[in-house]
Amino acid sequence: MVDQKTAQLITTINTALEHEMAMMLRYLHHSFIVTGPERGPLVQFFRDRVNTSAQHAIALGEKVTAMGGHPSVKVSEIYEPGDQTIHEMLREDLDEERKHIDLYERLLTGLDDVALRAFIEQFVCQKQSQVDELDMYLRSR
């Protein structure tokens, strides 16, 4: 049995897990629908992101279990707009990654467990790196 504070943390971490599951699907879908001369490198780019999101989901699920909780199998809702340009896909991914950073930063608010804080801060750093890279893809000269 976990205390109320731990239960709230588990709920928030499960929300992050659900977001990572959604990102796996989003990036995989984008790898399917990207077309044009840049298809090859972008397919690999999106699939690398699938793997990163899977690694995050695994780590979050393991953390929930270690904390005495049950990892969620839910996936956050994903809006599927149909055909998209590469720019629209990258913009959507950038917006979602920024939302993930906000979620992780909210989780850090008031968190006094040093090890859990360091665990979550790793996600913030990795997500910020992804945001930076997506932002560079979207910039035009």
Protein backbone atom coordinates (compact mmCIF):
# COMPACT_ATOMS: atom_id res chain seq x y z
CA MET A 1 0.00 0.00 0.00
CA VAL A 2 1.41 3.39 -0.98
CA ASP A 3 0.79 6.69 0.78
CA GLN A 4 -1.28 9.46 -0.81
CA LYS A 5 1.72 11.52 -1.96
CA THR A 6 3.27 8.48 -3.66
CA ALA A 7 -0.10 7.62 -5.24
CA GLN A 8 -0.30 11.13 -6.71
CA LEU A 9 3.23 10.82 -8.08
CA ILE A 10 2.37 7.46 -9.61
CA THR A 11 -0.70 8.98 -11.27
CA THR A 12 1.39 11.78 -12.77
CA ILE A 13 4.13 9.40 -13.91
CA ASN A 14 1.45 7.20 -15.50
CA THR A 15 0.18 10.29 -17.36
CA ALA A 16 3.72 10.82 -18.66
CA LEU A 17 3.82 7.14 -19.66
CA GLU A 18 0.56 7.55 -21.59
CA HIS A 19 2.02 10.58 -23.39
CA GLU A 20 5.14 8.64 -24.33
CA MET A 21 2.97 5.82 -25.71
CA ALA A 22 1.10 8.39 -27.80
CA MET A 23 4.36 9.85 -29.10
CA MET A 24 5.50 6.39 -30.18
CA LEU A 25 2.37 6.06 -32.29
CA ARG A 26 2.56 9.63 -33.62
CA TYR A 27 6.18 9.27 -34.73
CA LEU A 28 5.54 5.84 -36.22
CA HIS A 29 2.56 7.20 -38.15
CA HIS A 30 4.66 10.09 -39.41
CA SER A 31 7.30 7.64 -40.60
CA PHE A 32 4.61 5.91 -42.66
CA ILE A 33 3.16 9.00 -44.33
CA VAL A 34 6.27 11.08 -45.06
CA THR A 35 6.89 11.38 -48.80
CA GLY A 36 9.18 13.21 -51.16
CA PRO A 37 12.91 13.35 -51.74
CA GLU A 38 13.65 13.65 -47.99
CA ARG A 39 11.66 10.49 -47.17
CA GLY A 40 14.63 8.24 -46.36
CA PRO A 41 16.31 10.42 -43.75
CA LEU A 42 12.99 11.54 -42.29
CA VAL A 43 11.68 7.98 -41.95
CA GLN A 44 14.83 7.18 -39.97
CA PHE A 45 14.46 10.41 -37.95
CA PHE A 46 10.87 9.56 -37.00
CA ARG A 47 11.68 5.93 -36.22
CA ASP A 48 14.58 6.97 -34.02
CA ARG A 49 12.04 9.06 -32.11
CA VAL A 50 9.79 6.00 -31.80
CA ASN A 51 12.68 4.19 -30.13
CA THR A 52 13.42 7.12 -27.81
CA SER A 53 9.76 7.33 -26.75
CA ALA A 54 9.74 3.54 -26.21
CA GLN A 55 12.81 3.83 -23.96
CA HIS A 56 11.10 6.61 -22.00
CA ALA A 57 7.90 4.55 -21.68
CA ILE A 58 9.86 1.54 -20.44
CA ALA A 59 11.71 3.60 -17.84
CA LEU A 60 8.49 5.26 -16.65
CA GLY A 61 6.63 1.94 -16.44
CA GLU A 62 9.46 0.41 -14.45
CA LYS A 63 9.51 3.43 -12.12
CA VAL A 64 5.76 3.12 -11.48
CA THR A 65 6.20 -0.55 -10.59
CA ALA A 66 9.18 0.23 -8.35
CA MET A 67 7.05 2.80 -6.52
CA GLY A 68 4.39 0.18 -5.81
CA GLY A 69 1.99 1.21 -8.54
CA HIS A 70 0.59 -0.33 -11.69
CA PRO A 71 1.83 1.04 -15.03
CA SER A 72 -0.89 2.36 -17.29
CA VAL A 73 -1.63 0.72 -20.63
CA LYS A 74 -3.59 3.74 -21.84
CA VAL A 75 -2.44 5.95 -24.66
CA SER A 76 -3.10 9.68 -24.60
CA GLU A 77 -5.54 10.74 -27.27
CA ILE A 78 -3.92 11.48 -30.61
CA TYR A 79 -5.43 13.84 -33.14
CA GLU A 80 -5.06 12.37 -36.63
CA PRO A 81 -5.44 15.18 -39.18
CA GLY A 82 -5.01 13.01 -42.27
CA ASP A 83 -2.49 13.99 -44.90
CA GLN A 84 0.16 16.37 -43.63
CA THR A 85 3.15 18.13 -45.09
CA ILE A 86 6.53 17.42 -43.57
CA HIS A 87 6.43 20.88 -42.02
CA GLU A 88 3.03 20.15 -40.41
CA MET A 89 4.29 16.83 -39.02
CA LEU A 90 7.38 18.41 -37.54
CA ARG A 91 5.35 21.31 -36.10
CA GLU A 92 2.92 18.86 -34.50
CA ASP A 93 5.80 16.89 -33.01
CA LEU A 94 7.44 20.05 -31.71
CA ASP A 95 4.22 21.20 -30.04
CA GLU A 96 3.71 17.78 -28.41
CA GLU A 97 7.30 17.55 -27.18
CA ARG A 98 6.92 20.99 -25.58
CA LYS A 99 3.78 19.76 -23.81
CA HIS A 100 5.78 16.81 -22.50
CA ILE A 101 8.42 19.14 -21.09
CA ASP A 102 5.68 21.07 -19.32
CA LEU A 103 4.28 17.84 -17.89
CA TYR A 104 7.69 16.74 -16.61
CA GLU A 105 8.43 20.19 -15.18
CA ARG A 106 5.09 20.18 -13.33
CA LEU A 107 6.01 16.78 -11.93
CA LEU A 108 9.24 18.29 -10.59
CA THR A 109 7.40 21.05 -8.74
CA GLY A 110 7.66 20.36 -5.04
CA LEU A 111 9.39 17.02 -5.59
CA ASP A 112 11.76 16.42 -2.68
CA ASP A 113 12.89 12.88 -3.58
CA VAL A 114 16.41 13.47 -4.94
CA ALA A 115 16.62 10.25 -6.95
CA LEU A 116 13.17 10.69 -8.51
CA ARG A 117 14.00 14.32 -9.26
CA ALA A 118 17.19 13.29 -11.10
CA PHE A 119 15.24 10.59 -12.95
CA ILE A 120 12.66 13.11 -14.20
CA GLU A 121 15.27 15.79 -14.95
CA GLN A 122 16.89 13.35 -17.40
CA PHE A 123 13.62 13.29 -19.35
CA VAL A 124 13.44 17.08 -19.36
CA CYS A 125 16.97 17.29 -20.77
CA GLN A 126 16.29 14.65 -23.42
CA LYS A 127 12.99 16.28 -24.40
CA GLN A 128 14.64 19.69 -24.63
CA SER A 129 17.25 18.21 -26.96
CA GLN A 130 14.43 16.84 -29.13
CA VAL A 131 12.66 20.22 -29.10
CA ASP A 132 15.88 21.93 -30.16
CA GLU A 133 16.38 19.49 -33.02
CA LEU A 134 12.77 19.79 -34.23
CA ASP A 135 13.04 23.57 -34.02
CA MET A 136 16.15 23.49 -36.23
CA TYR A 137 14.32 21.31 -38.79
CA LEU A 138 11.54 23.89 -38.92
CA ARG A 139 13.73 26.96 -39.26
CA SER A 140 14.23 28.36 -42.70
CA ARG A 141 17.10 30.57 -43.69
